[in-house]
Amino acid sequence: MKQIALDIGLASAPSFTNFFAGPNEAALRHLQLWSGSSPRSPVPTYLWGEAGSGKSHLLKAFSAAVCEQGASVGWLDASVLEPPDFDERWVAVVMDDCQLYTDSQQQVAFNWFVNAMSAADGQPHCILAAGTVPPADLALREDLRTRLGWGQVFALHALTDTERRAVLRQEADARGVFLGDEVMDFILSRFSRDLGNLMQLLDQLDVYSLQTQRAITIPLIKSMLDNP
């Protein structure tokens, strides 16, 4: 059955507090402590896992936590076609979707890595990266691949359907919203199981339910989709 991925625009910005860790608690705690420590350990961290396991969420949450302290972060992912030169003002460099980097992006990533580890101010900068496979399996230039793998490495796992159901129930209860078992089954079978999409769906259902003064049922969900 085809699943629907919503483009709703109501989701909160990724943060540590709205990350549902499940089996990824160790990675979450590590990044929370790392982002708030002073001075921060210069040992790099690499996250890997399948799509939907929370890699990008954690990278963005780490970046946000550092920036909230008045610092700046360099960001590189596969969509950044013209990355900037390394900036000494960055306290961290964050690199997402490493497995997709082009030759030129690999060159930039290697340059950032080297500069971050040998900062002119004498204080190495943090390096956080992520990809869909372990560092040893990345199809990247050898000098970059080995550097990504020499620090802390965490394998992330997507939540099971039972865990997703528990998260949905917890979030709905926190809002005072009742989701019956049939509604839960419908949501998990018809929509993208990515937690970000599920939380956006819950946001929209909550708003639509209040607007229409109706309980959240399968007919209400279908009505909402028919009346965007």
C-alpha atoms as a PDB file:
ATOM      1  CA  MET A   1       0.000   0.000   0.000  1.00  0.00           C
ATOM      2  CA  LYS A   2       1.384   3.396  -1.009  1.00  0.00           C
ATOM      3  CA  GLN A   3       2.246   5.629   1.923  1.00  0.00           C
ATOM      4  CA  ILE A   4       1.663   9.374   1.911  1.00  0.00           C
ATOM      5  CA  ALA A   5       4.426  11.788   2.883  1.00  0.00           C
ATOM      6  CA  LEU A   6       2.940  15.077   4.004  1.00  0.00           C
ATOM      7  CA  ASP A   7       4.373  18.513   3.270  1.00  0.00           C
ATOM      8  CA  ILE A   8       2.594  20.405   6.020  1.00  0.00           C
ATOM      9  CA  GLY A   9       5.026  23.013   7.254  1.00  0.00           C
ATOM     10  CA  LEU A  10       3.901  22.848  10.895  1.00  0.00           C
ATOM     11  CA  ALA A  11       6.715  20.786  12.349  1.00  0.00           C
ATOM     12  CA  SER A  12       8.895  22.211  15.078  1.00  0.00           C
ATOM     13  CA  ALA A  13      12.558  22.741  14.304  1.00  0.00           C
ATOM     14  CA  PRO A  14      14.644  19.653  15.133  1.00  0.00           C
ATOM     15  CA  SER A  15      15.909  19.711  18.712  1.00  0.00           C
ATOM     16  CA  PHE A  16      17.100  17.277  21.330  1.00  0.00           C
ATOM     17  CA  THR A  17      13.831  17.641  23.229  1.00  0.00           C
ATOM     18  CA  ASN A  18      11.638  16.609  20.287  1.00  0.00           C
ATOM     19  CA  PHE A  19      13.861  13.695  19.252  1.00  0.00           C
ATOM     20  CA  PHE A  20      12.275  10.363  20.180  1.00  0.00           C
ATOM     21  CA  ALA A  21      15.328   8.290  20.970  1.00  0.00           C
ATOM     22  CA  GLY A  22      14.005   4.762  21.359  1.00  0.00           C
ATOM     23  CA  PRO A  23      17.035   2.506  20.710  1.00  0.00           C
ATOM     24  CA  ASN A  24      19.206   5.565  19.975  1.00  0.00           C
ATOM     25  CA  GLU A  25      19.417   6.878  23.529  1.00  0.00           C
ATOM     26  CA  ALA A  26      23.224   6.562  23.724  1.00  0.00           C
ATOM     27  CA  ALA A  27      23.750   8.760  20.651  1.00  0.00           C
ATOM     28  CA  LEU A  28      21.281  11.343  21.932  1.00  0.00           C
ATOM     29  CA  ARG A  29      22.935  11.573  25.351  1.00  0.00           C
ATOM     30  CA  HIS A  30      26.390  11.800  23.805  1.00  0.00           C
ATOM     31  CA  LEU A  31      25.399  14.730  21.583  1.00  0.00           C
ATOM     32  CA  GLN A  32      23.542  16.501  24.375  1.00  0.00           C
ATOM     33  CA  LEU A  33      26.592  16.346  26.640  1.00  0.00           C
ATOM     34  CA  TRP A  34      28.965  17.218  23.808  1.00  0.00           C
ATOM     35  CA  SER A  35      26.996  20.273  22.694  1.00  0.00           C
ATOM     36  CA  GLY A  36      26.851  21.664  26.223  1.00  0.00           C
ATOM     37  CA  SER A  37      30.366  20.915  27.430  1.00  0.00           C
ATOM     38  CA  SER A  38      33.164  23.478  27.649  1.00  0.00           C
ATOM     39  CA  PRO A  39      35.657  22.915  26.258  1.00  0.00           C
ATOM     40  CA  ARG A  40      34.161  20.381  23.871  1.00  0.00           C
ATOM     41  CA  SER A  41      36.072  17.219  23.088  1.00  0.00           C
ATOM     42  CA  PRO A  42      37.759  17.415  19.666  1.00  0.00           C
ATOM     43  CA  VAL A  43      37.189  13.695  19.004  1.00  0.00           C
ATOM     44  CA  PRO A  44      34.894  13.459  15.931  1.00  0.00           C
ATOM     45  CA  THR A  45      31.528  11.732  16.029  1.00  0.00           C
ATOM     46  CA  TYR A  46      29.924   9.851  13.139  1.00  0.00           C
ATOM     47  CA  LEU A  47      26.307   8.623  13.023  1.00  0.00           C
ATOM     48  CA  TRP A  48      25.087   6.045  10.542  1.00  0.00           C
ATOM     49  CA  GLY A  49      21.787   4.337   9.840  1.00  0.00           C
ATOM     50  CA  GLU A  50      18.992   3.908   7.333  1.00  0.00           C
ATOM     51  CA  ALA A  51      16.720   6.726   6.214  1.00  0.00           C
ATOM     52  CA  GLY A  52      14.307   7.678   8.977  1.00  0.00           C
ATOM     53  CA  SER A  53      16.635   6.663  11.812  1.00  0.00           C
ATOM     54  CA  GLY A  54      17.084  10.272  12.939  1.00  0.00           C
ATOM     55  CA  LYS A  55      20.559  11.192  11.687  1.00  0.00           C
ATOM     56  CA  SER A  56      19.681  14.561  10.155  1.00  0.00           C
ATOM     57  CA  HIS A  57      17.445  15.426  13.108  1.00  0.00           C
ATOM     58  CA  LEU A  58      20.308  14.904  15.554  1.00  0.00           C
ATOM     59  CA  LEU A  59      22.786  16.840  13.399  1.00  0.00           C
ATOM     60  CA  LYS A  60      20.393  19.788  13.178  1.00  0.00           C
ATOM     61  CA  ALA A  61      19.615  19.555  16.901  1.00  0.00           C
ATOM     62  CA  PHE A  62      23.340  19.626  17.720  1.00  0.00           C
ATOM     63  CA  SER A  63      23.864  22.626  15.441  1.00  0.00           C
ATOM     64  CA  ALA A  64      20.920  24.446  17.002  1.00  0.00           C
ATOM     65  CA  ALA A  65      22.149  23.742  20.536  1.00  0.00           C
ATOM     66  CA  VAL A  66      25.602  25.130  19.731  1.00  0.00           C
ATOM     67  CA  CYS A  67      24.198  28.178  17.952  1.00  0.00           C
ATOM     68  CA  GLU A  68      21.902  28.912  20.906  1.00  0.00           C
ATOM     69  CA  GLN A  69      25.094  29.454  22.914  1.00  0.00           C
ATOM     70  CA  GLY A  70      26.093  32.276  20.556  1.00  0.00           C
ATOM     71  CA  ALA A  71      28.486  30.208  18.440  1.00  0.00           C
ATOM     72  CA  SER A  72      28.444  29.423  14.719  1.00  0.00           C
ATOM     73  CA  VAL A  73      28.575  26.108  12.877  1.00  0.00           C
ATOM     74  CA  GLY A  74      29.638  25.110   9.368  1.00  0.00           C
ATOM     75  CA  TRP A  75      27.105  22.868   7.601  1.00  0.00           C
ATOM     76  CA  LEU A  76      27.635  20.647   4.561  1.00  0.00           C
ATOM     77  CA  ASP A  77      25.253  18.189   2.965  1.00  0.00           C
ATOM     78  CA  ALA A  78      24.830  16.822  -0.550  1.00  0.00           C
ATOM     79  CA  SER A  79      22.554  19.717  -1.546  1.00  0.00           C
ATOM     80  CA  VAL A  80      25.234  22.352  -0.843  1.00  0.00           C
ATOM     81  CA  LEU A  81      26.802  22.639  -4.285  1.00  0.00           C
ATOM     82  CA  GLU A  82      29.141  25.558  -3.502  1.00  0.00           C
ATOM     83  CA  PRO A  83      30.279  25.123   0.122  1.00  0.00           C
ATOM     84  CA  PRO A  84      32.094  28.071   1.716  1.00  0.00           C
ATOM     85  CA  ASP A  85      35.721  28.008   2.770  1.00  0.00           C
ATOM     86  CA  PHE A  86      36.433  26.912   6.328  1.00  0.00           C
ATOM     87  CA  ASP A  87      35.700  29.709   8.806  1.00  0.00           C
ATOM     88  CA  GLU A  88      37.812  29.945  11.962  1.00  0.00           C
ATOM     89  CA  ARG A  89      34.784  31.395  13.774  1.00  0.00           C
ATOM     90  CA  TRP A  90      32.993  28.070  13.532  1.00  0.00           C
ATOM     91  CA  VAL A  91      33.180  26.035  16.720  1.00  0.00           C
ATOM     92  CA  ALA A  92      31.950  22.936  14.893  1.00  0.00           C
ATOM     93  CA  VAL A  93      31.564  21.533  11.404  1.00  0.00           C
ATOM     94  CA  VAL A  94      28.604  19.279  10.658  1.00  0.00           C
ATOM     95  CA  MET A  95      28.485  17.064   7.572  1.00  0.00           C
ATOM     96  CA  ASP A  96      25.345  15.159   6.586  1.00  0.00           C
ATOM     97  CA  ASP A  97      24.712  12.538   3.862  1.00  0.00           C
ATOM     98  CA  CYS A  98      28.421  11.875   3.477  1.00  0.00           C
ATOM     99  CA  GLN A  99      27.734   8.880   1.247  1.00  0.00           C
ATOM    100  CA  LEU A 100      26.395  11.234  -1.457  1.00  0.00           C
ATOM    101  CA  TYR A 101      29.302  13.670  -1.647  1.00  0.00           C
ATOM    102  CA  THR A 102      30.699  14.513  -5.055  1.00  0.00           C
ATOM    103  CA  ASP A 103      34.446  14.721  -5.638  1.00  0.00           C
ATOM    104  CA  SER A 104      34.391  18.480  -5.031  1.00  0.00           C
ATOM    105  CA  GLN A 105      32.314  18.108  -1.856  1.00  0.00           C
ATOM    106  CA  GLN A 106      34.738  15.463  -0.609  1.00  0.00           C
ATOM    107  CA  GLN A 107      37.577  17.896  -1.157  1.00  0.00           C
ATOM    108  CA  VAL A 108      35.740  20.545   0.875  1.00  0.00           C
ATOM    109  CA  ALA A 109      34.862  18.045   3.614  1.00  0.00           C
ATOM    110  CA  PHE A 110      38.503  16.948   3.869  1.00  0.00           C
ATOM    111  CA  ASN A 111      39.633  20.587   4.000  1.00  0.00           C
ATOM    112  CA  TRP A 112      37.119  21.366   6.742  1.00  0.00           C
ATOM    113  CA  PHE A 113      38.200  18.304   8.697  1.00  0.00           C
ATOM    114  CA  VAL A 114      41.898  19.188   8.549  1.00  0.00           C
ATOM    115  CA  ASN A 115      41.283  22.840   9.435  1.00  0.00           C
ATOM    116  CA  ALA A 116      38.945  21.938  12.280  1.00  0.00           C
ATOM    117  CA  MET A 117      41.558  19.664  13.827  1.00  0.00           C
ATOM    118  CA  SER A 118      44.366  22.216  13.507  1.00  0.00           C
ATOM    119  CA  ALA A 119      42.589  25.461  14.304  1.00  0.00           C
ATOM    120  CA  ALA A 120      44.715  28.596  14.380  1.00  0.00           C
ATOM    121  CA  ASP A 121      43.441  29.459  17.837  1.00  0.00           C
ATOM    122  CA  GLY A 122      44.867  26.227  19.205  1.00  0.00           C
ATOM    123  CA  GLN A 123      41.443  24.846  20.139  1.00  0.00           C
ATOM    124  CA  PRO A 124      40.290  22.043  17.780  1.00  0.00           C
ATOM    125  CA  HIS A 125      36.737  22.410  16.560  1.00  0.00           C
ATOM    126  CA  CYS A 126      34.008  19.749  16.853  1.00  0.00           C
ATOM    127  CA  ILE A 127      33.366  17.501  13.863  1.00  0.00           C
ATOM    128  CA  LEU A 128      30.006  15.730  13.561  1.00  0.00           C
ATOM    129  CA  ALA A 129      29.109  13.719  10.464  1.00  0.00           C
ATOM    130  CA  ALA A 130      26.528  11.205   9.291  1.00  0.00           C
ATOM    131  CA  GLY A 131      25.831   8.749   6.493  1.00  0.00           C
ATOM    132  CA  THR A 132      23.746   5.702   5.682  1.00  0.00           C
ATOM    133  CA  VAL A 133      26.620   3.233   6.095  1.00  0.00           C
ATOM    134  CA  PRO A 134      29.519   2.750   8.547  1.00  0.00           C
ATOM    135  CA  PRO A 135      32.631   4.824   7.835  1.00  0.00           C
ATOM    136  CA  ALA A 136      34.523   1.788   6.517  1.00  0.00           C
ATOM    137  CA  ASP A 137      31.851   1.273   3.835  1.00  0.00           C
ATOM    138  CA  LEU A 138      31.732   4.862   2.569  1.00  0.00           C
ATOM    139  CA  ALA A 139      32.683   5.138  -1.097  1.00  0.00           C
ATOM    140  CA  LEU A 140      34.800   8.227  -0.437  1.00  0.00           C
ATOM    141  CA  ARG A 141      38.436   9.199  -0.880  1.00  0.00           C
ATOM    142  CA  GLU A 142      40.544   7.229   1.571  1.00  0.00           C
ATOM    143  CA  ASP A 143      41.914  10.165   3.560  1.00  0.00           C
ATOM    144  CA  LEU A 144      38.401  11.461   4.281  1.00  0.00           C
ATOM    145  CA  ARG A 145      36.859   8.033   4.919  1.00  0.00           C
ATOM    146  CA  THR A 146      39.467   7.050   7.502  1.00  0.00           C
ATOM    147  CA  ARG A 147      39.197  10.377   9.317  1.00  0.00           C
ATOM    148  CA  LEU A 148      35.412  10.057   9.589  1.00  0.00           C
ATOM    149  CA  GLY A 149      35.829   6.688  11.253  1.00  0.00           C
ATOM    150  CA  TRP A 150      38.526   7.256  13.861  1.00  0.00           C
ATOM    151  CA  GLY A 151      36.340   8.876  16.530  1.00  0.00           C
ATOM    152  CA  GLN A 152      33.036   8.012  18.170  1.00  0.00           C
ATOM    153  CA  VAL A 153      30.742   5.988  15.878  1.00  0.00           C
ATOM    154  CA  PHE A 154      27.053   5.355  16.633  1.00  0.00           C
ATOM    155  CA  ALA A 155      24.724   3.099  14.655  1.00  0.00           C
ATOM    156  CA  LEU A 156      21.181   4.514  14.672  1.00  0.00           C
ATOM    157  CA  HIS A 157      18.089   2.350  14.315  1.00  0.00           C
ATOM    158  CA  ALA A 158      14.656   3.320  13.048  1.00  0.00           C
ATOM    159  CA  LEU A 159      11.855   2.881  15.563  1.00  0.00           C
ATOM    160  CA  THR A 160       9.667  -0.190  15.316  1.00  0.00           C
ATOM    161  CA  ASP A 161       5.939   0.164  14.610  1.00  0.00           C
ATOM    162  CA  THR A 162       5.261  -0.537  18.281  1.00  0.00           C
ATOM    163  CA  GLU A 163       7.619   2.274  19.294  1.00  0.00           C
ATOM    164  CA  ARG A 164       6.088   4.640  16.725  1.00  0.00           C
ATOM    165  CA  ARG A 165       2.647   3.825  18.050  1.00  0.00           C
ATOM    166  CA  ALA A 166       3.807   4.533  21.604  1.00  0.00           C
ATOM    167  CA  VAL A 167       5.286   7.892  20.529  1.00  0.00           C
ATOM    168  CA  LEU A 168       2.084   8.870  18.722  1.00  0.00           C
ATOM    169  CA  ARG A 169       0.026   7.889  21.751  1.00  0.00           C
ATOM    170  CA  GLN A 170       2.293   9.834  24.091  1.00  0.00           C
ATOM    171  CA  GLU A 171       2.199  12.964  21.921  1.00  0.00           C
ATOM    172  CA  ALA A 172      -1.554  12.762  21.445  1.00  0.00           C
ATOM    173  CA  ASP A 173      -2.129  12.321  25.179  1.00  0.00           C
ATOM    174  CA  ALA A 174       0.109  15.334  25.879  1.00  0.00           C
ATOM    175  CA  ARG A 175      -2.170  17.414  23.637  1.00  0.00           C
ATOM    176  CA  GLY A 176      -5.363  16.037  25.142  1.00  0.00           C
ATOM    177  CA  VAL A 177      -6.159  14.346  21.822  1.00  0.00           C
ATOM    178  CA  PHE A 178      -7.680  10.865  21.668  1.00  0.00           C
ATOM    179  CA  LEU A 179      -6.478   8.522  18.922  1.00  0.00           C
ATOM    180  CA  GLY A 180      -8.423   5.284  18.782  1.00  0.00           C
ATOM    181  CA  ASP A 181      -6.778   2.027  17.760  1.00  0.00           C
ATOM    182  CA  GLU A 182      -8.456   2.104  14.322  1.00  0.00           C
ATOM    183  CA  VAL A 183      -7.157   5.624  13.735  1.00  0.00           C
ATOM    184  CA  MET A 184      -3.650   4.574  14.777  1.00  0.00           C
ATOM    185  CA  ASP A 185      -3.775   1.577  12.436  1.00  0.00           C
ATOM    186  CA  PHE A 186      -4.975   3.805   9.591  1.00  0.00           C
ATOM    187  CA  ILE A 187      -2.220   6.378  10.150  1.00  0.00           C
ATOM    188  CA  LEU A 188       0.578   3.824  10.373  1.00  0.00           C
ATOM    189  CA  SER A 189      -0.596   1.953   7.271  1.00  0.00           C
ATOM    190  CA  ARG A 190      -1.405   4.930   5.034  1.00  0.00           C
ATOM    191  CA  PHE A 191       1.217   7.552   5.873  1.00  0.00           C
ATOM    192  CA  SER A 192       4.984   7.752   5.922  1.00  0.00           C
ATOM    193  CA  ARG A 193       6.301   6.083   9.087  1.00  0.00           C
ATOM    194  CA  ASP A 194       9.043   8.678   9.469  1.00  0.00           C
ATOM    195  CA  LEU A 195       8.532  10.248  12.894  1.00  0.00           C
ATOM    196  CA  GLY A 196       8.927  13.756  11.534  1.00  0.00           C
ATOM    197  CA  ASN A 197       6.056  13.182   9.119  1.00  0.00           C
ATOM    198  CA  LEU A 198       3.962  11.520  11.810  1.00  0.00           C
ATOM    199  CA  MET A 199       4.426  14.476  14.169  1.00  0.00           C
ATOM    200  CA  GLN A 200       3.490  16.886  11.364  1.00  0.00           C
ATOM    201  CA  LEU A 201       0.390  14.821  10.674  1.00  0.00           C
ATOM    202  CA  LEU A 202      -0.574  14.949  14.337  1.00  0.00           C
ATOM    203  CA  ASP A 203      -0.095  18.724  14.301  1.00  0.00           C
ATOM    204  CA  GLN A 204      -2.415  19.076  11.328  1.00  0.00           C
ATOM    205  CA  LEU A 205      -5.005  16.674  12.724  1.00  0.00           C
ATOM    206  CA  ASP A 206      -5.066  18.581  16.007  1.00  0.00           C
ATOM    207  CA  VAL A 207      -5.624  21.892  14.199  1.00  0.00           C
ATOM    208  CA  TYR A 208      -8.251  20.488  11.821  1.00  0.00           C
ATOM    209  CA  SER A 209     -10.088  18.769  14.667  1.00  0.00           C
ATOM    210  CA  LEU A 210     -10.308  22.044  16.572  1.00  0.00           C
ATOM    211  CA  GLN A 211     -11.398  23.959  13.483  1.00  0.00           C
ATOM    212  CA  THR A 212     -14.182  21.503  12.662  1.00  0.00           C
ATOM    213  CA  GLN A 213     -15.084  20.712  16.278  1.00  0.00           C
ATOM    214  CA  ARG A 214     -14.925  17.007  15.468  1.00  0.00           C
ATOM    215  CA  ALA A 215     -13.098  14.107  17.079  1.00  0.00           C
ATOM    216  CA  ILE A 216     -10.193  12.583  15.179  1.00  0.00           C
ATOM    217  CA  THR A 217     -11.614   9.670  13.232  1.00  0.00           C
ATOM    218  CA  ILE A 218     -10.798   8.020   9.913  1.00  0.00           C
ATOM    219  CA  PRO A 219     -13.566  10.046   8.133  1.00  0.00           C
ATOM    220  CA  LEU A 220     -12.075  13.247   9.599  1.00  0.00           C
ATOM    221  CA  ILE A 221      -8.611  12.340   8.306  1.00  0.00           C
ATOM    222  CA  LYS A 222     -10.041  11.683   4.813  1.00  0.00           C
ATOM    223  CA  SER A 223     -11.957  14.950   4.966  1.00  0.00           C
ATOM    224  CA  MET A 224      -8.801  16.827   5.934  1.00  0.00           C
ATOM    225  CA  LEU A 225      -6.911  15.336   2.989  1.00  0.00           C
ATOM    226  CA  ASP A 226      -9.751  16.261   0.632  1.00  0.00           C
ATOM    227  CA  ASN A 227      -9.803  19.833   1.940  1.00  0.00           C
ATOM    228  CA  PRO A 228      -6.178  21.005   2.242  1.00  0.00           C
END
